[in-house]
Amino acid sequence: MSTAAAPARTLRTGTVLADLLPASRVRDVALVLGGAALTGLAAQISLPVPGSPVPVSGQTFAALLVGTALGARRGFLSLALYAVAGMAGVPWFAQGSSGYAMPSFGYILGMMLAATVVGALARRGADRSVLRTAGTMALGSAVIYAVGVPYLALATGMSLGQAVAAGLTPFLIGDALKAALAMGALPAAWKLVGRKG
């Protein structure tokens, strides 16, 4: 009884997916670097949105996935590394851009905060079921927009209403699709791990 129940209990008490790998500083460094690289690669999946300086890209999905899988601290560090390297000239922001003098930079700042929030929630089991994962992804997206949209307004001189129309509304359907992917992938990963445990 105790040998079969112990792994399941361990999976439910404050762990994120990355914690299932053998613990070491090398693991943590590799996870942070990998999370930044994944976000940079996903950002290259990018399409311009007519009438908006903000493209549709895979970086928001990657940022939320990184935060959820790695936890708050490593998720934040991954997105901070992604931001700092991009500011320093690595062309891995959406559409191969870099630097910080772009109207969409606020979304990158929002992703750092969102990765932290979803990572903290994942540590409390928010990525274990479809409904909780949906709520976690929705909250993470809201955090990104809460930083990105006002930044867009300030950077471009748009009114807040114009910034919402250009920097939020066109992306809602895509965000719903990204949330649906996460709703399937994260709980399935936990089920798979539970079976192997």
Protein backbone atom coordinates (compact mmCIF):
# COMPACT_ATOMS: atom_id res chain seq x y z
CA MET A 1 0.00 0.00 0.00
CA SER A 2 2.65 2.56 0.98
CA THR A 3 4.94 1.91 -2.00
CA ALA A 4 2.17 2.49 -4.55
CA ALA A 5 0.74 5.55 -2.78
CA ALA A 6 4.02 7.36 -2.08
CA PRO A 7 4.87 8.49 -5.64
CA ALA A 8 1.32 9.79 -6.21
CA ARG A 9 1.47 11.80 -2.97
CA THR A 10 4.87 13.26 -3.94
CA LEU A 11 3.48 14.40 -7.28
CA ARG A 12 0.73 16.37 -5.55
CA THR A 13 2.71 18.27 -2.93
CA GLY A 14 4.22 21.44 -4.32
CA THR A 15 6.03 20.03 -7.33
CA VAL A 16 6.10 21.27 -10.88
CA LEU A 17 7.00 19.11 -13.87
CA ALA A 18 10.65 20.23 -13.83
CA ASP A 19 11.02 19.03 -10.23
CA LEU A 20 10.62 15.46 -11.45
CA LEU A 21 14.10 15.61 -13.00
CA PRO A 22 17.05 14.77 -10.70
CA ALA A 23 17.85 17.89 -8.64
CA SER A 24 21.11 19.78 -9.18
CA ARG A 25 22.37 23.26 -9.97
CA VAL A 26 23.25 22.04 -13.46
CA ARG A 27 19.62 20.96 -13.95
CA ASP A 28 18.34 24.35 -12.85
CA VAL A 29 20.77 26.25 -15.11
CA ALA A 30 19.87 24.00 -18.05
CA LEU A 31 16.14 24.50 -17.41
CA VAL A 32 16.50 28.29 -17.25
CA LEU A 33 18.58 28.37 -20.44
CA GLY A 34 16.19 25.94 -22.14
CA GLY A 35 13.16 28.00 -21.13
CA ALA A 36 14.71 31.16 -22.57
CA ALA A 37 15.68 29.34 -25.78
CA LEU A 38 12.21 27.80 -26.15
CA THR A 39 10.63 31.23 -25.80
CA GLY A 40 13.05 32.68 -28.36
CA LEU A 41 12.30 29.88 -30.82
CA ALA A 42 8.54 30.16 -30.30
CA ALA A 43 8.74 33.91 -30.89
CA GLN A 44 9.89 33.19 -34.44
CA ILE A 45 6.46 31.74 -35.15
CA SER A 46 5.12 35.21 -35.80
CA LEU A 47 2.52 36.85 -38.02
CA PRO A 48 1.87 40.58 -38.36
CA VAL A 49 -1.57 41.84 -37.38
CA PRO A 50 -2.98 44.51 -39.73
CA GLY A 51 -3.32 47.82 -37.88
CA SER A 52 -1.30 46.68 -34.86
CA PRO A 53 2.39 47.06 -34.02
CA VAL A 54 2.11 43.80 -32.05
CA PRO A 55 2.39 40.51 -34.00
CA VAL A 56 0.76 37.22 -33.15
CA SER A 57 3.55 34.95 -31.99
CA GLY A 58 4.26 31.78 -30.10
CA GLN A 59 6.26 33.54 -27.39
CA THR A 60 3.31 34.12 -25.05
CA PHE A 61 2.39 30.44 -25.15
CA ALA A 62 6.02 29.48 -24.53
CA ALA A 63 6.31 31.94 -21.63
CA LEU A 64 3.23 30.51 -19.92
CA LEU A 65 4.34 26.93 -20.58
CA VAL A 66 7.84 27.67 -19.25
CA GLY A 67 6.46 29.27 -16.09
CA THR A 68 4.05 26.43 -15.47
CA ALA A 69 6.55 23.64 -16.11
CA LEU A 70 9.52 25.23 -14.32
CA GLY A 71 7.84 26.98 -11.40
CA ALA A 72 7.88 30.62 -10.38
CA ARG A 73 11.59 31.16 -9.73
CA ARG A 74 13.02 29.29 -12.71
CA GLY A 75 10.20 30.56 -14.95
CA PHE A 76 10.98 34.16 -14.00
CA LEU A 77 14.71 33.63 -14.52
CA SER A 78 14.10 32.07 -17.96
CA LEU A 79 11.96 35.00 -19.11
CA ALA A 80 14.34 37.53 -17.54
CA LEU A 81 17.22 35.92 -19.46
CA TYR A 82 15.12 35.99 -22.62
CA ALA A 83 14.40 39.71 -22.08
CA VAL A 84 17.96 40.72 -21.17
CA ALA A 85 19.51 38.79 -24.06
CA GLY A 86 17.00 40.32 -26.48
CA MET A 87 17.68 43.81 -25.12
CA ALA A 88 21.41 43.15 -25.60
CA GLY A 89 20.87 42.37 -29.28
CA VAL A 90 20.00 38.68 -29.61
CA PRO A 91 17.40 38.77 -32.43
CA TRP A 92 14.93 36.37 -30.82
CA PHE A 93 11.97 38.57 -30.03
CA ALA A 94 8.96 38.26 -32.35
CA GLN A 95 9.83 38.73 -36.02
CA GLY A 96 13.55 38.41 -35.26
CA SER A 97 13.69 41.75 -33.48
CA SER A 98 15.78 42.79 -30.49
CA GLY A 99 16.24 45.81 -28.22
CA TYR A 100 13.76 47.54 -25.99
CA ALA A 101 12.71 50.53 -28.10
CA MET A 102 9.65 48.84 -29.57
CA PRO A 103 6.02 49.32 -28.65
CA SER A 104 5.54 45.62 -27.91
CA PHE A 105 8.31 45.43 -25.27
CA GLY A 106 5.73 45.74 -22.48
CA TYR A 107 4.40 42.31 -23.41
CA ILE A 108 7.86 40.84 -22.76
CA LEU A 109 7.91 42.49 -19.33
CA GLY A 110 4.42 41.10 -18.74
CA MET A 111 5.63 37.62 -19.68
CA MET A 112 8.23 37.71 -16.90
CA LEU A 113 5.52 38.49 -14.37
CA ALA A 114 3.08 35.99 -15.90
CA ALA A 115 5.65 33.17 -15.82
CA THR A 116 6.11 33.87 -12.11
CA VAL A 117 2.36 33.87 -11.41
CA VAL A 118 1.56 30.69 -13.37
CA GLY A 119 4.62 28.99 -11.90
CA ALA A 120 3.42 29.74 -8.37
CA LEU A 121 -0.04 28.44 -9.24
CA ALA A 122 1.40 25.29 -10.83
CA ARG A 123 3.24 24.58 -7.58
CA ARG A 124 -0.22 24.51 -5.97
CA GLY A 125 -1.50 22.01 -8.56
CA ALA A 126 -3.11 24.44 -11.00
CA ASP A 127 -1.78 22.51 -14.00
CA ARG A 128 -3.14 19.11 -13.00
CA SER A 129 -6.67 19.32 -14.42
CA VAL A 130 -8.20 20.76 -17.58
CA LEU A 131 -10.30 23.38 -15.79
CA ARG A 132 -7.55 24.56 -13.45
CA THR A 133 -5.08 24.74 -16.35
CA ALA A 134 -7.58 26.84 -18.32
CA GLY A 135 -7.89 29.25 -15.41
CA THR A 136 -4.13 29.42 -14.98
CA MET A 137 -3.55 30.18 -18.66
CA ALA A 138 -6.32 32.82 -18.66
CA LEU A 139 -4.81 34.53 -15.62
CA GLY A 140 -1.32 34.41 -17.15
CA SER A 141 -2.60 35.97 -20.37
CA ALA A 142 -4.41 38.67 -18.37
CA VAL A 143 -1.16 39.52 -16.57
CA ILE A 144 0.67 39.85 -19.90
CA TYR A 145 -2.00 42.21 -21.23
CA ALA A 146 -2.15 44.17 -17.96
CA VAL A 147 1.47 45.20 -18.55
CA GLY A 148 1.65 45.08 -22.36
CA VAL A 149 -1.42 47.13 -23.29
CA PRO A 150 -0.67 50.20 -21.10
CA TYR A 151 2.96 50.06 -22.27
CA LEU A 152 1.75 49.99 -25.87
CA ALA A 153 -0.43 53.04 -25.22
CA LEU A 154 2.47 54.96 -23.66
CA ALA A 155 4.99 53.91 -26.32
CA THR A 156 2.77 54.85 -29.27
CA GLY A 157 0.68 57.72 -27.91
CA MET A 158 -2.51 55.69 -28.40
CA SER A 159 -5.42 56.11 -26.05
CA LEU A 160 -6.04 53.15 -23.76
CA GLY A 161 -9.08 52.21 -25.88
CA GLN A 162 -6.99 52.27 -29.05
CA ALA A 163 -4.28 50.18 -27.36
CA VAL A 164 -6.89 47.61 -26.29
CA ALA A 165 -8.24 47.49 -29.86
CA ALA A 166 -4.74 47.09 -31.35
CA GLY A 167 -2.97 45.11 -28.64
CA LEU A 168 -5.57 42.89 -27.01
CA THR A 169 -8.75 42.28 -29.01
CA PRO A 170 -7.08 40.77 -32.13
CA PHE A 171 -5.29 38.20 -29.97
CA LEU A 172 -8.15 36.73 -27.94
CA ILE A 173 -8.97 33.88 -30.34
CA GLY A 174 -5.30 32.89 -30.55
CA ASP A 175 -5.04 32.98 -26.77
CA ALA A 176 -8.03 30.67 -26.51
CA LEU A 177 -6.33 28.21 -28.87
CA LYS A 178 -3.08 28.38 -26.89
CA ALA A 179 -5.01 27.77 -23.66
CA ALA A 180 -6.71 24.77 -25.26
CA LEU A 181 -3.29 23.31 -26.16
CA ALA A 182 -2.07 23.79 -22.60
CA MET A 183 -5.32 22.34 -21.21
CA GLY A 184 -4.60 19.14 -23.08
CA ALA A 185 -0.82 18.96 -22.69
CA LEU A 186 -0.17 19.77 -19.03
CA PRO A 187 -2.76 17.51 -17.35
CA ALA A 188 -1.81 14.73 -19.79
CA ALA A 189 1.85 15.09 -18.80
CA TRP A 190 0.92 14.73 -15.12
CA LYS A 191 -1.20 11.65 -15.85
CA LEU A 192 1.68 10.09 -17.76
CA VAL A 193 4.10 10.81 -14.94
CA GLY A 194 1.63 9.42 -12.41
CA ARG A 195 1.37 6.16 -14.35
CA LYS A 196 5.15 5.82 -14.51
CA GLY A 197 5.46 6.62 -10.79
